[in-house]
Amino acid sequence: MYTEEKLKELFETRKSKEGLMRFIKSNTEAFSPLLQLSLKNTPEAWRASWLIGHAMTTNDTRVQGAIDSLIEALPSLKEGHQRQTIIILLKMQLDDEQEGKLFDICLNIWENIKLIPSTRITAMKFILSIVDKFTELKDEIKLWTQEQYTESLSPGIKHSLNKQIHKILES
């Protein structure tokens, strides 16, 4: 049984991505406890989210039952942990209600210019996936990407964002 203490010990003893990936591949029963740990607001929870994001597959059935909990926990998590949780959710098929809740949270993250750009741009990836799905939101994209929201982004991230937006607006 993988307790929270054992998982914390894992993160203290295995620092490399390769070591952690070897562990999760050879100890598949640790996935569910890792997922439960990822819902908490602790330093180890961020690492658990990171490991899950790397170890999971698209629409991973082991994550399916935790989607609502992941979305619910998202606003209270720290920035890097939010980013990793959104990465997990980007790999999952969400129902309409889940998409709506996550969209609202991601929009709040995006609009908070005090947050780190990597978290904000990950939230924007989800926003753009919804805009691409619901074309009636295309006009809103111009509001969400005004200079006040993009000035803190690096030139490379800003360029990538502009390409994605252009692609959506042209389709």
C-alpha atoms as a PDB file:
ATOM      1  CA  MET A   1       0.000   0.000   0.000  1.00  0.00           C
ATOM      2  CA  TYR A   2       1.354   3.382  -0.988  1.00  0.00           C
ATOM      3  CA  THR A   3       0.654   5.863   1.772  1.00  0.00           C
ATOM      4  CA  GLU A   4       1.194   9.585   1.511  1.00  0.00           C
ATOM      5  CA  GLU A   5       4.340   9.163   3.622  1.00  0.00           C
ATOM      6  CA  LYS A   6       5.752   6.522   1.270  1.00  0.00           C
ATOM      7  CA  LEU A   7       5.041   8.757  -1.724  1.00  0.00           C
ATOM      8  CA  LYS A   8       6.735  11.719  -0.029  1.00  0.00           C
ATOM      9  CA  GLU A   9       9.719   9.463   0.594  1.00  0.00           C
ATOM     10  CA  LEU A  10       9.673   8.475  -3.084  1.00  0.00           C
ATOM     11  CA  PHE A  11       9.982  12.112  -4.143  1.00  0.00           C
ATOM     12  CA  GLU A  12      12.825  12.641  -1.683  1.00  0.00           C
ATOM     13  CA  THR A  13      14.809   9.622  -2.888  1.00  0.00           C
ATOM     14  CA  ARG A  14      14.091   9.677  -6.635  1.00  0.00           C
ATOM     15  CA  LYS A  15      14.722  13.084  -8.090  1.00  0.00           C
ATOM     16  CA  SER A  16      15.087  12.354 -11.814  1.00  0.00           C
ATOM     17  CA  LYS A  17      12.233  12.057 -14.269  1.00  0.00           C
ATOM     18  CA  GLU A  18      13.648   8.745 -15.469  1.00  0.00           C
ATOM     19  CA  GLY A  19      13.735   7.307 -11.940  1.00  0.00           C
ATOM     20  CA  LEU A  20      10.196   8.398 -11.200  1.00  0.00           C
ATOM     21  CA  MET A  21       8.925   7.068 -14.530  1.00  0.00           C
ATOM     22  CA  ARG A  22      10.622   3.705 -13.903  1.00  0.00           C
ATOM     23  CA  PHE A  23       8.965   3.598 -10.485  1.00  0.00           C
ATOM     24  CA  ILE A  24       5.435   4.303 -11.744  1.00  0.00           C
ATOM     25  CA  LYS A  25       5.789   1.838 -14.641  1.00  0.00           C
ATOM     26  CA  SER A  26       6.915  -0.963 -12.332  1.00  0.00           C
ATOM     27  CA  ASN A  27       4.511  -0.037  -9.482  1.00  0.00           C
ATOM     28  CA  THR A  28       1.232   0.612 -11.271  1.00  0.00           C
ATOM     29  CA  GLU A  29      -0.695   0.208  -7.998  1.00  0.00           C
ATOM     30  CA  ALA A  30       0.878   3.496  -6.855  1.00  0.00           C
ATOM     31  CA  PHE A  31      -1.044   5.475  -9.505  1.00  0.00           C
ATOM     32  CA  SER A  32      -4.286   5.797  -7.528  1.00  0.00           C
ATOM     33  CA  PRO A  33      -2.595   6.965  -4.296  1.00  0.00           C
ATOM     34  CA  LEU A  34      -0.547   9.423  -6.400  1.00  0.00           C
ATOM     35  CA  LEU A  35      -3.766  10.744  -7.890  1.00  0.00           C
ATOM     36  CA  GLN A  36      -5.231  11.232  -4.412  1.00  0.00           C
ATOM     37  CA  LEU A  37      -2.054  13.012  -3.299  1.00  0.00           C
ATOM     38  CA  SER A  38      -2.246  15.298  -6.342  1.00  0.00           C
ATOM     39  CA  LEU A  39      -5.531  16.722  -5.030  1.00  0.00           C
ATOM     40  CA  LYS A  40      -3.864  18.153  -1.940  1.00  0.00           C
ATOM     41  CA  ASN A  41      -2.162  21.495  -1.606  1.00  0.00           C
ATOM     42  CA  THR A  42       1.322  20.313  -0.623  1.00  0.00           C
ATOM     43  CA  PRO A  43       4.725  20.405  -2.359  1.00  0.00           C
ATOM     44  CA  GLU A  44       4.521  16.649  -2.928  1.00  0.00           C
ATOM     45  CA  ALA A  45       1.114  17.067  -4.536  1.00  0.00           C
ATOM     46  CA  TRP A  46       2.647  19.166  -7.303  1.00  0.00           C
ATOM     47  CA  ARG A  47       5.180  16.408  -7.976  1.00  0.00           C
ATOM     48  CA  ALA A  48       2.388  13.811  -7.920  1.00  0.00           C
ATOM     49  CA  SER A  49       0.471  15.833 -10.533  1.00  0.00           C
ATOM     50  CA  TRP A  50       3.606  16.163 -12.621  1.00  0.00           C
ATOM     51  CA  LEU A  51       4.242  12.403 -12.493  1.00  0.00           C
ATOM     52  CA  ILE A  52       0.623  11.566 -13.307  1.00  0.00           C
ATOM     53  CA  GLY A  53       0.722  13.946 -16.279  1.00  0.00           C
ATOM     54  CA  HIS A  54       3.767  12.121 -17.642  1.00  0.00           C
ATOM     55  CA  ALA A  55       2.604   8.590 -16.827  1.00  0.00           C
ATOM     56  CA  MET A  56      -1.007   8.797 -17.978  1.00  0.00           C
ATOM     57  CA  THR A  57      -2.444   8.177 -21.407  1.00  0.00           C
ATOM     58  CA  THR A  58      -5.070  10.217 -23.225  1.00  0.00           C
ATOM     59  CA  ASN A  59      -8.452   9.620 -21.572  1.00  0.00           C
ATOM     60  CA  ASP A  60      -6.772   7.427 -18.980  1.00  0.00           C
ATOM     61  CA  THR A  61      -9.458   5.417 -17.192  1.00  0.00           C
ATOM     62  CA  ARG A  62      -7.492   5.698 -13.929  1.00  0.00           C
ATOM     63  CA  VAL A  63      -8.034   9.471 -13.987  1.00  0.00           C
ATOM     64  CA  GLN A  64     -11.634   9.513 -15.258  1.00  0.00           C
ATOM     65  CA  GLY A  65     -13.260   9.221 -11.825  1.00  0.00           C
ATOM     66  CA  ALA A  66     -11.147  12.062 -10.406  1.00  0.00           C
ATOM     67  CA  ILE A  67     -11.926  14.712 -13.046  1.00  0.00           C
ATOM     68  CA  ASP A  68     -14.504  16.527 -10.919  1.00  0.00           C
ATOM     69  CA  SER A  69     -12.173  16.507  -7.906  1.00  0.00           C
ATOM     70  CA  LEU A  70      -9.274  17.825  -9.992  1.00  0.00           C
ATOM     71  CA  ILE A  71     -11.422  20.669 -11.335  1.00  0.00           C
ATOM     72  CA  GLU A  72     -12.766  21.456  -7.871  1.00  0.00           C
ATOM     73  CA  ALA A  73      -9.275  21.555  -6.329  1.00  0.00           C
ATOM     74  CA  LEU A  74      -7.769  23.684  -9.114  1.00  0.00           C
ATOM     75  CA  PRO A  75      -8.564  27.214  -7.814  1.00  0.00           C
ATOM     76  CA  SER A  76      -6.944  26.546  -4.430  1.00  0.00           C
ATOM     77  CA  LEU A  77      -3.690  25.119  -5.799  1.00  0.00           C
ATOM     78  CA  LYS A  78      -0.431  27.013  -6.219  1.00  0.00           C
ATOM     79  CA  GLU A  79       0.502  28.191  -9.701  1.00  0.00           C
ATOM     80  CA  GLY A  80       2.815  25.389 -10.804  1.00  0.00           C
ATOM     81  CA  HIS A  81       0.434  22.815  -9.379  1.00  0.00           C
ATOM     82  CA  GLN A  82      -2.431  24.458 -11.277  1.00  0.00           C
ATOM     83  CA  ARG A  83      -0.417  24.154 -14.494  1.00  0.00           C
ATOM     84  CA  GLN A  84       0.249  20.454 -13.924  1.00  0.00           C
ATOM     85  CA  THR A  85      -3.400  19.785 -13.082  1.00  0.00           C
ATOM     86  CA  ILE A  86      -4.577  21.555 -16.234  1.00  0.00           C
ATOM     87  CA  ILE A  87      -2.099  19.450 -18.231  1.00  0.00           C
ATOM     88  CA  ILE A  88      -3.760  16.326 -16.812  1.00  0.00           C
ATOM     89  CA  LEU A  89      -7.233  17.666 -17.636  1.00  0.00           C
ATOM     90  CA  LEU A  90      -6.178  18.637 -21.181  1.00  0.00           C
ATOM     91  CA  LYS A  91      -5.556  14.929 -21.816  1.00  0.00           C
ATOM     92  CA  MET A  92      -9.032  13.924 -20.666  1.00  0.00           C
ATOM     93  CA  GLN A  93     -12.419  13.903 -22.394  1.00  0.00           C
ATOM     94  CA  LEU A  94     -14.663  16.158 -20.308  1.00  0.00           C
ATOM     95  CA  ASP A  95     -18.435  16.375 -20.326  1.00  0.00           C
ATOM     96  CA  ASP A  96     -20.155  19.711 -20.971  1.00  0.00           C
ATOM     97  CA  GLU A  97     -20.507  20.617 -17.300  1.00  0.00           C
ATOM     98  CA  GLN A  98     -16.856  19.804 -16.590  1.00  0.00           C
ATOM     99  CA  GLU A  99     -15.762  21.832 -19.618  1.00  0.00           C
ATOM    100  CA  GLY A 100     -17.811  24.791 -18.436  1.00  0.00           C
ATOM    101  CA  LYS A 101     -16.370  24.713 -14.925  1.00  0.00           C
ATOM    102  CA  LEU A 102     -12.813  24.290 -16.168  1.00  0.00           C
ATOM    103  CA  PHE A 103     -13.301  27.045 -18.743  1.00  0.00           C
ATOM    104  CA  ASP A 104     -14.353  29.505 -16.024  1.00  0.00           C
ATOM    105  CA  ILE A 105     -11.396  28.563 -13.833  1.00  0.00           C
ATOM    106  CA  CYS A 106      -8.952  28.787 -16.733  1.00  0.00           C
ATOM    107  CA  LEU A 107     -10.322  32.171 -17.738  1.00  0.00           C
ATOM    108  CA  ASN A 108      -9.792  33.407 -14.171  1.00  0.00           C
ATOM    109  CA  ILE A 109      -6.231  32.065 -14.245  1.00  0.00           C
ATOM    110  CA  TRP A 110      -5.551  33.676 -17.630  1.00  0.00           C
ATOM    111  CA  GLU A 111      -6.901  37.051 -16.532  1.00  0.00           C
ATOM    112  CA  ASN A 112      -4.762  37.079 -13.374  1.00  0.00           C
ATOM    113  CA  ILE A 113      -1.660  38.742 -14.795  1.00  0.00           C
ATOM    114  CA  LYS A 114       0.151  38.284 -11.476  1.00  0.00           C
ATOM    115  CA  LEU A 115       0.387  34.536 -12.061  1.00  0.00           C
ATOM    116  CA  ILE A 116       3.418  33.014 -13.769  1.00  0.00           C
ATOM    117  CA  PRO A 117       3.173  32.966 -17.576  1.00  0.00           C
ATOM    118  CA  SER A 118       3.574  29.182 -17.856  1.00  0.00           C
ATOM    119  CA  THR A 119       0.446  28.615 -15.771  1.00  0.00           C
ATOM    120  CA  ARG A 120      -1.487  31.289 -17.622  1.00  0.00           C
ATOM    121  CA  ILE A 121      -0.556  29.991 -21.081  1.00  0.00           C
ATOM    122  CA  THR A 122      -1.512  26.433 -20.071  1.00  0.00           C
ATOM    123  CA  ALA A 123      -4.917  27.762 -18.988  1.00  0.00           C
ATOM    124  CA  MET A 124      -5.152  29.547 -22.348  1.00  0.00           C
ATOM    125  CA  LYS A 125      -4.540  26.237 -24.157  1.00  0.00           C
ATOM    126  CA  PHE A 126      -7.742  24.922 -22.633  1.00  0.00           C
ATOM    127  CA  ILE A 127      -9.585  28.175 -23.405  1.00  0.00           C
ATOM    128  CA  LEU A 128      -8.494  27.970 -27.036  1.00  0.00           C
ATOM    129  CA  SER A 129      -9.624  24.355 -27.280  1.00  0.00           C
ATOM    130  CA  ILE A 130     -13.095  25.465 -26.182  1.00  0.00           C
ATOM    131  CA  VAL A 131     -13.124  28.441 -28.570  1.00  0.00           C
ATOM    132  CA  ASP A 132     -12.163  26.071 -31.378  1.00  0.00           C
ATOM    133  CA  LYS A 133     -15.084  23.837 -30.402  1.00  0.00           C
ATOM    134  CA  PHE A 134     -17.615  26.661 -29.908  1.00  0.00           C
ATOM    135  CA  THR A 135     -17.017  29.100 -32.738  1.00  0.00           C
ATOM    136  CA  GLU A 136     -19.443  31.657 -31.280  1.00  0.00           C
ATOM    137  CA  LEU A 137     -16.668  32.477 -28.779  1.00  0.00           C
ATOM    138  CA  LYS A 138     -14.212  33.565 -31.492  1.00  0.00           C
ATOM    139  CA  ASP A 139     -14.919  37.261 -31.009  1.00  0.00           C
ATOM    140  CA  GLU A 140     -14.194  36.947 -27.282  1.00  0.00           C
ATOM    141  CA  ILE A 141     -10.645  35.825 -28.005  1.00  0.00           C
ATOM    142  CA  LYS A 142      -9.768  39.386 -28.994  1.00  0.00           C
ATOM    143  CA  LEU A 143     -10.858  40.633 -25.569  1.00  0.00           C
ATOM    144  CA  TRP A 144      -8.933  37.930 -23.723  1.00  0.00           C
ATOM    145  CA  THR A 145      -5.722  38.609 -25.605  1.00  0.00           C
ATOM    146  CA  GLN A 146      -5.491  42.366 -25.304  1.00  0.00           C
ATOM    147  CA  GLU A 147      -2.045  43.765 -24.481  1.00  0.00           C
ATOM    148  CA  GLN A 148      -2.801  43.922 -20.746  1.00  0.00           C
ATOM    149  CA  TYR A 149      -3.029  40.110 -20.719  1.00  0.00           C
ATOM    150  CA  THR A 150      -0.096  39.355 -23.001  1.00  0.00           C
ATOM    151  CA  GLU A 151       2.544  41.910 -22.022  1.00  0.00           C
ATOM    152  CA  SER A 152       3.995  39.654 -19.286  1.00  0.00           C
ATOM    153  CA  LEU A 153       4.513  36.780 -21.730  1.00  0.00           C
ATOM    154  CA  SER A 154       7.913  36.123 -23.269  1.00  0.00           C
ATOM    155  CA  PRO A 155       8.263  36.977 -26.980  1.00  0.00           C
ATOM    156  CA  GLY A 156       8.323  33.260 -27.878  1.00  0.00           C
ATOM    157  CA  ILE A 157       5.180  32.413 -25.909  1.00  0.00           C
ATOM    158  CA  LYS A 158       3.426  35.500 -27.248  1.00  0.00           C
ATOM    159  CA  HIS A 159       4.343  34.539 -30.829  1.00  0.00           C
ATOM    160  CA  SER A 160       3.099  30.973 -30.304  1.00  0.00           C
ATOM    161  CA  LEU A 161      -0.152  32.280 -28.805  1.00  0.00           C
ATOM    162  CA  ASN A 162      -0.686  34.667 -31.712  1.00  0.00           C
ATOM    163  CA  LYS A 163      -0.190  31.797 -34.190  1.00  0.00           C
ATOM    164  CA  GLN A 164      -2.762  29.676 -32.361  1.00  0.00           C
ATOM    165  CA  ILE A 165      -5.237  32.542 -32.247  1.00  0.00           C
ATOM    166  CA  HIS A 166      -4.719  33.346 -35.932  1.00  0.00           C
ATOM    167  CA  LYS A 167      -5.325  29.696 -36.807  1.00  0.00           C
ATOM    168  CA  ILE A 168      -8.599  29.630 -34.826  1.00  0.00           C
ATOM    169  CA  LEU A 169      -9.826  32.956 -36.214  1.00  0.00           C
ATOM    170  CA  GLU A 170      -9.081  31.875 -39.786  1.00  0.00           C
ATOM    171  CA  SER A 171     -10.927  28.551 -39.518  1.00  0.00           C
END
